[in-house]
Each structure stands twice: as C-alpha cells, then as structure tokens.
N, C-alpha and C. Protein backbone atom coordinates (compact mmCIF):
# COMPACT_ATOMS: atom_id res chain seq x y z
N MET A 1 -20.96 -26.39 74.08
CA MET A 1 -22.39 -26.42 74.10
C MET A 1 -23.00 -25.05 74.00
N LYS A 2 -22.33 -24.05 74.69
CA LYS A 2 -22.82 -22.70 74.65
C LYS A 2 -22.75 -22.14 73.23
N LYS A 3 -21.70 -22.48 72.51
CA LYS A 3 -21.57 -22.00 71.13
C LYS A 3 -22.69 -22.53 70.25
N ILE A 4 -23.06 -23.80 70.44
CA ILE A 4 -24.09 -24.41 69.61
C ILE A 4 -25.43 -23.70 69.89
N ILE A 5 -25.69 -23.43 71.15
CA ILE A 5 -26.94 -22.74 71.51
C ILE A 5 -26.95 -21.31 70.93
N LEU A 6 -25.81 -20.63 71.05
CA LEU A 6 -25.70 -19.24 70.52
C LEU A 6 -25.90 -19.25 69.02
N VAL A 7 -25.28 -20.17 68.32
CA VAL A 7 -25.39 -20.26 66.88
C VAL A 7 -26.85 -20.56 66.50
N ALA A 8 -27.49 -21.47 67.24
CA ALA A 8 -28.86 -21.82 66.95
C ALA A 8 -29.76 -20.61 67.12
N PHE A 9 -29.58 -19.83 68.18
CA PHE A 9 -30.38 -18.63 68.37
C PHE A 9 -30.12 -17.59 67.25
N PHE A 10 -28.88 -17.51 66.84
CA PHE A 10 -28.54 -16.60 65.76
C PHE A 10 -29.28 -16.93 64.49
N PHE A 11 -29.26 -18.21 64.12
CA PHE A 11 -29.96 -18.66 62.87
C PHE A 11 -31.47 -18.55 63.02
N ILE A 12 -31.99 -18.83 64.18
CA ILE A 12 -33.44 -18.67 64.40
C ILE A 12 -33.82 -17.18 64.26
N GLY A 13 -33.00 -16.31 64.82
CA GLY A 13 -33.25 -14.87 64.71
C GLY A 13 -33.23 -14.39 63.25
N ILE A 14 -32.29 -14.91 62.49
CA ILE A 14 -32.20 -14.55 61.07
C ILE A 14 -33.47 -15.03 60.34
N SER A 15 -33.84 -16.26 60.60
CA SER A 15 -35.02 -16.82 59.94
C SER A 15 -36.29 -16.05 60.27
N VAL A 16 -36.44 -15.70 61.53
CA VAL A 16 -37.64 -14.96 61.96
C VAL A 16 -37.63 -13.58 61.31
N SER A 17 -36.50 -12.88 61.33
CA SER A 17 -36.46 -11.51 60.75
C SER A 17 -36.69 -11.56 59.25
N GLN A 18 -36.19 -12.57 58.57
CA GLN A 18 -36.42 -12.68 57.14
C GLN A 18 -37.87 -13.04 56.87
N ALA A 19 -38.47 -13.88 57.66
CA ALA A 19 -39.87 -14.25 57.45
C ALA A 19 -40.79 -13.05 57.70
N GLN A 20 -40.47 -12.20 58.69
CA GLN A 20 -41.25 -11.03 58.97
C GLN A 20 -41.19 -10.00 57.88
N GLY A 21 -40.03 -9.89 57.28
CA GLY A 21 -39.85 -8.84 56.24
C GLY A 21 -40.11 -9.31 54.85
N SER A 22 -40.43 -10.58 54.61
CA SER A 22 -40.50 -11.09 53.27
C SER A 22 -41.63 -10.50 52.47
N GLY A 23 -42.71 -10.02 53.11
CA GLY A 23 -43.83 -9.46 52.39
C GLY A 23 -43.75 -7.98 52.21
N ASP A 24 -42.76 -7.32 52.81
CA ASP A 24 -42.68 -5.88 52.75
C ASP A 24 -42.23 -5.41 51.36
N SER A 25 -42.87 -4.37 50.84
CA SER A 25 -42.51 -3.86 49.55
C SER A 25 -41.11 -3.18 49.62
N GLU A 26 -40.74 -2.69 50.81
CA GLU A 26 -39.43 -2.04 50.97
C GLU A 26 -38.28 -3.06 50.73
N GLN A 27 -38.56 -4.33 50.99
CA GLN A 27 -37.56 -5.36 50.85
C GLN A 27 -37.39 -5.78 49.39
N ALA A 28 -38.17 -5.22 48.49
CA ALA A 28 -38.16 -5.64 47.11
C ALA A 28 -36.80 -5.51 46.51
N LYS A 29 -36.06 -4.41 46.80
CA LYS A 29 -34.74 -4.23 46.25
C LYS A 29 -33.71 -4.72 47.29
N GLN A 30 -33.09 -5.83 47.01
CA GLN A 30 -32.16 -6.43 47.93
C GLN A 30 -30.88 -5.52 48.07
N LEU A 31 -30.36 -5.44 49.27
CA LEU A 31 -29.17 -4.63 49.52
C LEU A 31 -27.95 -5.36 48.99
N LYS A 32 -27.05 -4.62 48.42
CA LYS A 32 -25.78 -5.16 47.92
C LYS A 32 -24.69 -4.73 48.90
N TRP A 33 -24.06 -5.69 49.56
CA TRP A 33 -22.95 -5.47 50.44
C TRP A 33 -21.67 -5.87 49.72
N TYR A 34 -20.78 -4.94 49.51
CA TYR A 34 -19.49 -5.21 48.88
C TYR A 34 -18.49 -5.68 49.95
N THR A 35 -17.60 -6.57 49.49
CA THR A 35 -16.50 -6.97 50.39
C THR A 35 -15.17 -6.48 49.80
N ASP A 36 -15.15 -6.16 48.52
CA ASP A 36 -13.95 -5.59 47.87
C ASP A 36 -14.11 -4.07 47.86
N VAL A 37 -13.29 -3.40 48.68
CA VAL A 37 -13.45 -1.97 48.87
C VAL A 37 -13.14 -1.19 47.59
N LYS A 38 -12.23 -1.64 46.75
CA LYS A 38 -11.93 -0.91 45.53
C LYS A 38 -13.11 -0.95 44.56
N GLU A 39 -13.82 -2.07 44.51
CA GLU A 39 -15.01 -2.20 43.67
C GLU A 39 -16.09 -1.23 44.24
N ALA A 40 -16.23 -1.22 45.55
CA ALA A 40 -17.23 -0.35 46.18
C ALA A 40 -16.92 1.12 45.90
N ILE A 41 -15.65 1.49 45.92
CA ILE A 41 -15.26 2.86 45.62
C ILE A 41 -15.65 3.29 44.26
N LYS A 42 -15.45 2.43 43.27
CA LYS A 42 -15.85 2.71 41.90
C LYS A 42 -17.35 3.00 41.84
N VAL A 43 -18.14 2.14 42.47
CA VAL A 43 -19.60 2.30 42.47
C VAL A 43 -19.97 3.58 43.22
N SER A 44 -19.34 3.83 44.33
CA SER A 44 -19.57 5.02 45.14
C SER A 44 -19.37 6.30 44.31
N ASN A 45 -18.26 6.35 43.60
CA ASN A 45 -17.93 7.56 42.84
C ASN A 45 -18.88 7.68 41.62
N LYS A 46 -19.26 6.56 41.01
CA LYS A 46 -20.15 6.59 39.87
C LYS A 46 -21.55 7.03 40.28
N GLN A 47 -22.06 6.53 41.43
CA GLN A 47 -23.41 6.83 41.87
C GLN A 47 -23.43 8.08 42.76
N LYS A 48 -22.28 8.63 43.08
CA LYS A 48 -22.20 9.83 43.94
C LYS A 48 -22.83 9.61 45.30
N LYS A 49 -22.53 8.47 45.88
CA LYS A 49 -22.96 8.12 47.24
C LYS A 49 -21.75 7.79 48.09
N PRO A 50 -21.77 8.22 49.35
CA PRO A 50 -20.64 7.87 50.23
C PRO A 50 -20.64 6.36 50.58
N LEU A 51 -19.51 5.90 51.06
CA LEU A 51 -19.37 4.53 51.51
C LEU A 51 -19.83 4.41 52.97
N MET A 52 -20.48 3.31 53.28
CA MET A 52 -20.73 2.97 54.67
C MET A 52 -19.93 1.70 54.95
N LEU A 53 -18.87 1.86 55.70
CA LEU A 53 -17.95 0.77 56.02
C LEU A 53 -18.35 0.14 57.32
N PHE A 54 -18.81 -1.10 57.29
CA PHE A 54 -19.29 -1.80 58.47
C PHE A 54 -18.24 -2.77 58.93
N PHE A 55 -17.53 -2.45 60.02
CA PHE A 55 -16.51 -3.31 60.60
C PHE A 55 -17.23 -4.23 61.59
N THR A 56 -17.20 -5.53 61.35
CA THR A 56 -17.99 -6.47 62.12
C THR A 56 -17.26 -7.78 62.41
N GLY A 57 -17.63 -8.41 63.47
CA GLY A 57 -17.26 -9.78 63.74
C GLY A 57 -18.52 -10.60 63.65
N SER A 58 -18.92 -10.91 62.43
CA SER A 58 -20.25 -11.44 62.14
C SER A 58 -20.63 -12.74 62.86
N ASP A 59 -19.65 -13.53 63.19
CA ASP A 59 -19.95 -14.84 63.78
C ASP A 59 -19.62 -14.95 65.25
N TRP A 60 -19.19 -13.86 65.87
CA TRP A 60 -18.82 -13.94 67.29
C TRP A 60 -19.17 -12.68 68.10
N CYS A 61 -19.38 -11.55 67.49
CA CYS A 61 -19.59 -10.28 68.16
C CYS A 61 -21.07 -10.07 68.44
N GLY A 62 -21.47 -10.13 69.70
CA GLY A 62 -22.87 -10.00 70.07
C GLY A 62 -23.49 -8.67 69.67
N TRP A 63 -22.77 -7.59 69.85
CA TRP A 63 -23.29 -6.25 69.47
C TRP A 63 -23.42 -6.13 67.95
N CYS A 64 -22.54 -6.76 67.21
CA CYS A 64 -22.63 -6.75 65.74
C CYS A 64 -23.88 -7.47 65.29
N ILE A 65 -24.12 -8.62 65.88
CA ILE A 65 -25.30 -9.41 65.54
C ILE A 65 -26.56 -8.65 65.89
N ARG A 66 -26.52 -7.97 67.04
CA ARG A 66 -27.64 -7.17 67.47
C ARG A 66 -27.91 -6.01 66.49
N LEU A 67 -26.82 -5.33 66.06
CA LEU A 67 -26.98 -4.24 65.11
C LEU A 67 -27.61 -4.76 63.80
N GLN A 68 -27.11 -5.91 63.35
CA GLN A 68 -27.66 -6.52 62.14
C GLN A 68 -29.17 -6.77 62.29
N ASN A 69 -29.55 -7.42 63.41
CA ASN A 69 -30.94 -7.83 63.61
C ASN A 69 -31.89 -6.61 63.86
N GLU A 70 -31.43 -5.65 64.64
CA GLU A 70 -32.27 -4.54 65.02
C GLU A 70 -32.32 -3.41 64.01
N VAL A 71 -31.31 -3.29 63.17
CA VAL A 71 -31.21 -2.14 62.27
C VAL A 71 -30.98 -2.60 60.81
N LEU A 72 -29.88 -3.24 60.56
CA LEU A 72 -29.38 -3.46 59.18
C LEU A 72 -30.27 -4.42 58.37
N ARG A 73 -31.13 -5.14 59.00
CA ARG A 73 -32.03 -6.06 58.27
C ARG A 73 -33.48 -5.58 58.33
N THR A 74 -33.71 -4.30 58.55
CA THR A 74 -35.08 -3.78 58.61
C THR A 74 -35.43 -3.06 57.32
N PRO A 75 -36.72 -2.95 57.05
CA PRO A 75 -37.18 -2.24 55.85
C PRO A 75 -36.76 -0.77 55.86
N GLU A 76 -36.75 -0.15 57.05
CA GLU A 76 -36.39 1.26 57.12
C GLU A 76 -34.94 1.48 56.71
N PHE A 77 -34.04 0.62 57.21
CA PHE A 77 -32.61 0.69 56.82
C PHE A 77 -32.46 0.39 55.35
N ASN A 78 -33.16 -0.62 54.86
CA ASN A 78 -33.06 -1.04 53.47
C ASN A 78 -33.37 0.15 52.55
N LYS A 79 -34.46 0.84 52.83
CA LYS A 79 -34.87 1.98 52.01
C LYS A 79 -33.83 3.08 52.09
N TRP A 80 -33.37 3.41 53.29
CA TRP A 80 -32.38 4.48 53.48
C TRP A 80 -31.08 4.14 52.78
N ALA A 81 -30.59 2.90 52.96
CA ALA A 81 -29.33 2.48 52.35
C ALA A 81 -29.35 2.52 50.84
N ASN A 82 -30.47 2.04 50.24
CA ASN A 82 -30.60 2.06 48.77
C ASN A 82 -30.52 3.48 48.24
N GLU A 83 -31.03 4.43 48.97
CA GLU A 83 -31.03 5.82 48.49
C GLU A 83 -29.77 6.58 48.84
N SER A 84 -29.05 6.15 49.90
CA SER A 84 -28.03 7.04 50.49
C SER A 84 -26.59 6.60 50.44
N VAL A 85 -26.29 5.29 50.48
CA VAL A 85 -24.92 4.85 50.66
C VAL A 85 -24.60 3.63 49.80
N ILE A 86 -23.29 3.40 49.71
CA ILE A 86 -22.80 2.13 49.14
C ILE A 86 -22.25 1.35 50.33
N LEU A 87 -22.79 0.12 50.52
CA LEU A 87 -22.49 -0.68 51.71
C LEU A 87 -21.25 -1.53 51.48
N VAL A 88 -20.36 -1.50 52.52
CA VAL A 88 -19.15 -2.32 52.49
C VAL A 88 -19.08 -3.06 53.82
N GLU A 89 -19.04 -4.40 53.75
CA GLU A 89 -18.90 -5.22 54.96
C GLU A 89 -17.40 -5.62 55.08
N LEU A 90 -16.81 -5.23 56.18
CA LEU A 90 -15.44 -5.58 56.51
C LEU A 90 -15.51 -6.51 57.73
N ASP A 91 -15.49 -7.79 57.44
CA ASP A 91 -15.76 -8.80 58.45
C ASP A 91 -14.46 -9.41 58.99
N TYR A 92 -14.51 -9.72 60.29
CA TYR A 92 -13.38 -10.34 60.99
C TYR A 92 -13.92 -11.60 61.71
N PRO A 93 -14.32 -12.59 60.91
CA PRO A 93 -14.94 -13.78 61.53
C PRO A 93 -13.91 -14.68 62.16
N ARG A 94 -14.39 -15.48 63.09
CA ARG A 94 -13.51 -16.45 63.73
C ARG A 94 -13.65 -17.87 63.14
N SER A 95 -14.82 -18.18 62.60
CA SER A 95 -14.99 -19.55 62.09
C SER A 95 -15.40 -19.60 60.62
N VAL A 96 -15.53 -18.47 59.97
CA VAL A 96 -15.88 -18.44 58.55
C VAL A 96 -14.61 -18.14 57.76
N PRO A 97 -14.26 -19.02 56.81
CA PRO A 97 -13.03 -18.76 56.04
C PRO A 97 -13.13 -17.53 55.14
N GLN A 98 -12.01 -16.84 54.98
CA GLN A 98 -11.90 -15.69 54.06
C GLN A 98 -10.62 -15.85 53.24
N SER A 99 -10.60 -15.21 52.07
CA SER A 99 -9.42 -15.23 51.29
C SER A 99 -8.32 -14.38 51.92
N ASP A 100 -7.08 -14.66 51.63
CA ASP A 100 -5.97 -13.86 52.17
C ASP A 100 -6.08 -12.42 51.74
N GLU A 101 -6.57 -12.18 50.50
CA GLU A 101 -6.71 -10.80 50.01
C GLU A 101 -7.73 -9.99 50.85
N ILE A 102 -8.85 -10.61 51.15
CA ILE A 102 -9.88 -9.96 51.97
C ILE A 102 -9.35 -9.74 53.38
N LYS A 103 -8.70 -10.72 53.96
CA LYS A 103 -8.13 -10.55 55.32
C LYS A 103 -7.14 -9.39 55.33
N GLN A 104 -6.27 -9.30 54.33
CA GLN A 104 -5.27 -8.24 54.28
C GLN A 104 -5.96 -6.89 54.11
N GLN A 105 -6.90 -6.79 53.17
CA GLN A 105 -7.63 -5.56 52.94
C GLN A 105 -8.31 -5.11 54.24
N ASN A 106 -9.05 -6.01 54.91
CA ASN A 106 -9.78 -5.65 56.10
C ASN A 106 -8.86 -5.19 57.21
N ASN A 107 -7.70 -5.87 57.35
CA ASN A 107 -6.76 -5.49 58.41
C ASN A 107 -6.17 -4.11 58.14
N GLU A 108 -5.82 -3.84 56.88
CA GLU A 108 -5.30 -2.52 56.49
C GLU A 108 -6.34 -1.42 56.76
N LEU A 109 -7.60 -1.67 56.44
CA LEU A 109 -8.64 -0.68 56.70
C LEU A 109 -8.92 -0.51 58.17
N GLN A 110 -8.85 -1.61 58.94
CA GLN A 110 -9.02 -1.49 60.38
C GLN A 110 -7.94 -0.57 60.96
N HIS A 111 -6.71 -0.77 60.50
CA HIS A 111 -5.59 0.05 60.96
C HIS A 111 -5.73 1.51 60.49
N ALA A 112 -6.10 1.68 59.23
CA ALA A 112 -6.21 3.04 58.65
C ALA A 112 -7.30 3.85 59.36
N PHE A 113 -8.41 3.23 59.76
CA PHE A 113 -9.49 3.94 60.41
C PHE A 113 -9.37 3.91 61.95
N GLY A 114 -8.38 3.16 62.45
CA GLY A 114 -8.18 3.10 63.90
C GLY A 114 -9.28 2.39 64.63
N VAL A 115 -9.88 1.40 63.99
CA VAL A 115 -10.96 0.64 64.60
C VAL A 115 -10.44 -0.26 65.69
N GLN A 116 -11.00 -0.10 66.90
CA GLN A 116 -10.53 -0.90 68.04
C GLN A 116 -11.62 -1.79 68.64
N GLY A 117 -12.85 -1.58 68.21
CA GLY A 117 -13.94 -2.38 68.70
C GLY A 117 -14.98 -2.59 67.65
N PHE A 118 -15.83 -3.59 67.88
CA PHE A 118 -16.88 -3.94 66.91
C PHE A 118 -18.23 -3.87 67.58
N PRO A 119 -19.28 -3.47 66.93
CA PRO A 119 -19.28 -3.01 65.53
C PRO A 119 -18.86 -1.52 65.47
N THR A 120 -18.19 -1.19 64.40
CA THR A 120 -17.89 0.22 64.08
C THR A 120 -18.34 0.46 62.65
N VAL A 121 -19.02 1.57 62.48
CA VAL A 121 -19.48 1.96 61.13
C VAL A 121 -18.87 3.31 60.80
N TYR A 122 -18.12 3.37 59.71
CA TYR A 122 -17.54 4.62 59.22
C TYR A 122 -18.22 5.01 57.93
N PHE A 123 -18.46 6.28 57.80
CA PHE A 123 -18.98 6.85 56.54
C PHE A 123 -17.83 7.64 55.95
N ALA A 124 -17.59 7.42 54.65
CA ALA A 124 -16.43 8.03 54.01
C ALA A 124 -16.63 8.22 52.54
N LYS A 125 -15.90 9.18 52.00
CA LYS A 125 -15.77 9.35 50.53
C LYS A 125 -14.37 8.84 50.22
N ALA A 126 -14.17 8.31 49.04
CA ALA A 126 -12.87 7.73 48.69
C ALA A 126 -12.53 8.01 47.24
N THR A 127 -11.26 8.16 46.98
CA THR A 127 -10.77 8.30 45.62
C THR A 127 -9.55 7.37 45.50
N VAL A 128 -9.28 6.98 44.25
CA VAL A 128 -8.13 6.12 43.97
C VAL A 128 -7.23 6.93 43.03
N SER A 129 -5.98 7.09 43.43
CA SER A 129 -5.03 7.85 42.61
C SER A 129 -4.61 7.05 41.38
N LYS A 130 -3.93 7.70 40.45
CA LYS A 130 -3.45 7.00 39.26
C LYS A 130 -2.50 5.89 39.60
N GLU A 131 -1.81 6.00 40.76
CA GLU A 131 -0.89 4.99 41.20
C GLU A 131 -1.59 3.84 41.92
N GLY A 132 -2.90 3.96 42.11
CA GLY A 132 -3.68 2.93 42.77
C GLY A 132 -3.84 3.10 44.28
N LYS A 133 -3.37 4.21 44.81
CA LYS A 133 -3.48 4.48 46.24
C LYS A 133 -4.88 5.01 46.59
N VAL A 134 -5.48 4.46 47.63
CA VAL A 134 -6.81 4.85 48.01
C VAL A 134 -6.70 5.94 49.08
N ASN A 135 -7.46 7.01 48.88
CA ASN A 135 -7.50 8.11 49.83
C ASN A 135 -8.93 8.24 50.34
N PHE A 136 -9.10 8.21 51.65
CA PHE A 136 -10.45 8.30 52.28
C PHE A 136 -10.59 9.67 52.92
N GLU A 137 -11.81 10.18 52.84
CA GLU A 137 -12.20 11.36 53.60
C GLU A 137 -13.30 10.92 54.55
N GLY A 138 -13.00 10.88 55.83
CA GLY A 138 -13.95 10.45 56.82
C GLY A 138 -15.06 11.46 56.98
N LEU A 139 -16.30 10.97 57.08
CA LEU A 139 -17.49 11.83 57.24
C LEU A 139 -18.06 11.71 58.63
N GLY A 140 -17.74 10.60 59.32
CA GLY A 140 -18.20 10.35 60.66
C GLY A 140 -18.31 8.85 60.95
N ASN A 141 -18.52 8.54 62.21
CA ASN A 141 -18.65 7.12 62.55
C ASN A 141 -19.64 6.93 63.69
N THR A 142 -20.10 5.69 63.82
CA THR A 142 -21.00 5.31 64.88
C THR A 142 -20.80 3.82 65.13
N GLY A 143 -21.62 3.24 65.95
CA GLY A 143 -21.61 1.82 66.26
C GLY A 143 -23.03 1.40 66.50
N TYR A 144 -23.18 0.57 67.51
CA TYR A 144 -24.53 0.15 67.89
C TYR A 144 -25.21 1.34 68.60
N VAL A 145 -26.48 1.62 68.22
CA VAL A 145 -27.27 2.65 68.85
C VAL A 145 -28.60 1.98 69.27
N ALA A 146 -28.90 2.03 70.55
CA ALA A 146 -30.16 1.45 71.02
C ALA A 146 -31.34 2.21 70.49
N GLY A 147 -32.42 1.53 70.26
CA GLY A 147 -33.66 2.19 69.82
C GLY A 147 -34.11 1.83 68.45
N GLY A 148 -33.47 0.85 67.82
CA GLY A 148 -33.92 0.40 66.52
C GLY A 148 -33.48 1.28 65.36
N PRO A 149 -34.09 1.06 64.17
CA PRO A 149 -33.63 1.75 63.00
C PRO A 149 -33.80 3.24 63.03
N SER A 150 -34.88 3.76 63.61
CA SER A 150 -35.08 5.24 63.58
C SER A 150 -34.01 5.92 64.43
N ALA A 151 -33.63 5.35 65.59
CA ALA A 151 -32.59 5.94 66.39
C ALA A 151 -31.23 5.86 65.70
N TRP A 152 -30.95 4.71 65.09
CA TRP A 152 -29.64 4.53 64.42
C TRP A 152 -29.55 5.49 63.22
N LEU A 153 -30.62 5.56 62.44
CA LEU A 153 -30.60 6.44 61.25
C LEU A 153 -30.51 7.91 61.63
N ALA A 154 -31.05 8.28 62.78
CA ALA A 154 -30.95 9.66 63.23
C ALA A 154 -29.47 10.04 63.51
N VAL A 155 -28.66 9.06 63.91
CA VAL A 155 -27.27 9.31 64.12
C VAL A 155 -26.50 9.29 62.81
N ALA A 156 -26.80 8.32 61.96
CA ALA A 156 -26.07 8.11 60.69
C ALA A 156 -26.40 9.11 59.60
N ASP A 157 -27.65 9.51 59.50
CA ASP A 157 -28.09 10.33 58.38
C ASP A 157 -27.33 11.66 58.21
N PRO A 158 -27.03 12.39 59.27
CA PRO A 158 -26.29 13.65 59.10
C PRO A 158 -24.91 13.47 58.43
N PHE A 159 -24.25 12.34 58.67
CA PHE A 159 -22.94 12.11 58.02
C PHE A 159 -23.14 12.01 56.51
N VAL A 160 -24.20 11.34 56.09
CA VAL A 160 -24.44 11.11 54.67
C VAL A 160 -24.94 12.41 54.02
N LYS A 161 -25.78 13.12 54.72
CA LYS A 161 -26.35 14.39 54.16
C LYS A 161 -25.24 15.43 53.93
N ASN A 162 -24.21 15.39 54.73
CA ASN A 162 -23.12 16.35 54.61
C ASN A 162 -22.02 15.90 53.64
N ALA A 163 -22.23 14.78 53.00
CA ALA A 163 -21.18 14.21 52.10
C ALA A 163 -20.96 15.06 50.87
N LYS A 164 -22.01 15.63 50.28
CA LYS A 164 -21.95 16.47 49.08
C LYS A 164 -21.00 15.86 48.03
N MET A 165 -21.40 14.73 47.53
CA MET A 165 -20.62 14.11 46.47
C MET A 165 -21.10 14.63 45.14
N THR A 166 -20.29 15.48 44.55
CA THR A 166 -20.67 16.08 43.26
C THR A 166 -19.72 15.54 42.19
N PRO A 167 -20.19 15.61 40.96
CA PRO A 167 -19.29 15.16 39.89
C PRO A 167 -18.05 16.04 39.82
N GLU A 168 -16.97 15.40 39.47
CA GLU A 168 -15.74 16.18 39.30
C GLU A 168 -15.87 17.11 38.08
N PRO A 169 -15.37 18.34 38.21
CA PRO A 169 -15.52 19.25 37.08
C PRO A 169 -14.71 18.77 35.88
N LYS A 170 -15.31 18.96 34.73
CA LYS A 170 -14.61 18.56 33.50
C LYS A 170 -13.64 19.63 33.13
N SER A 171 -12.45 19.24 32.72
CA SER A 171 -11.50 20.26 32.36
C SER A 171 -11.90 20.89 31.00
N LYS A 172 -11.77 22.19 30.96
CA LYS A 172 -12.14 22.89 29.74
C LYS A 172 -10.86 23.06 28.90
N THR A 173 -11.00 22.74 27.63
CA THR A 173 -9.86 22.95 26.73
C THR A 173 -10.19 24.15 25.83
N LYS A 174 -9.26 24.98 25.70
CA LYS A 174 -9.50 26.17 24.87
C LYS A 174 -8.74 26.03 23.55
N ASN A 175 -9.43 26.30 22.50
CA ASN A 175 -8.78 26.29 21.21
C ASN A 175 -8.24 27.70 20.94
N LYS A 176 -6.99 27.84 20.89
CA LYS A 176 -6.42 29.13 20.59
C LYS A 176 -6.15 29.25 19.10
N LYS A 177 -6.73 30.27 18.53
CA LYS A 177 -6.48 30.52 17.14
C LYS A 177 -5.82 31.89 17.03
N ALA A 178 -4.74 31.94 16.31
CA ALA A 178 -4.04 33.20 16.18
C ALA A 178 -4.32 33.89 14.89
C-alpha cells in the first residue's frame, strides 16, 4: 500500500511540475537525456561539451526523485544544460525493465566511477580509442544539493567551466620538395 501511495505522489509531482513549466519559454527546447554512453560521448566531443553522468534509482531513490523535481526539471537547469553539458542518465531501477546491454553498461560505469550511493552526478570528458576503449577524465562530482536549481548549479557550474573542451589539433603535413 505504501508503494502505491509513493508512486501516486511521484506521478502527481511530475504532472504538477510539468504543468507549471509548460508555458515557460525556457522549456521550449526539450532536454535530451542519453542512455547509451558511447553515443553521448560522440555528441560530447562533436559539440565540445562535457558529459553530465546522472547515476539514479529513478523509481525507488527518494533523493534522486527530489533532485529531479527540485532541479533537473526546472527552467533554470534546462537553460544551463542546453548550453553547457551532454546529459547521460545511468538508471538502476527496481521495477522498470532495461536491456541487458544498458544494465551491463551502467554497472561498468558505476564501478569505474566508484559510485556507492544515489543520486551521484559526475562531470567528465571522454574519448574512445581506436580499439573502442573509453577513457574518462573526471571533472568533479556532486549529488543532491538543498536550495533548488541556483544552489545546485553553483556547485555544478565550476566543473563545467573548467572543462576546456577544445578541438583536437589537426596534424600538419609538410610537403618536402628536394
């Protein structure tokens, strides 16, 4: 019975937050959350934006749901995220089915980043080697921060500002004429 009530409150909260934000011009550009980290890395490197890896238990973790409602679904976050990061959701649900590939990917990333609690948000740059191996450079991490979007963004923004994602230098070829 408690689960039903909790789920009902969760969906009511989502409906209310979506109804409140539906008229905002900031919400015009919908956020894209990737679940395939390799796809997100390609976009990250192309757009020269760091990754924001959101480790969450979307259907059972109270602090994750709170972070979603208080920060990640706000116009302030929407604007910041569209300008600053590529979003990746790494979910560990209890009642929502996932493919074996996503489960394996998420478990490997949880182990690689040493995530022991939820929510955890890591900011990182990533490259993929010719052999297909992914290399991450951590920029910082956070979790739930009380105080709404402005407080959370004050913690997160320095990690993104220090990312300095520049295009890779093009190799110069010299024509030698004798």
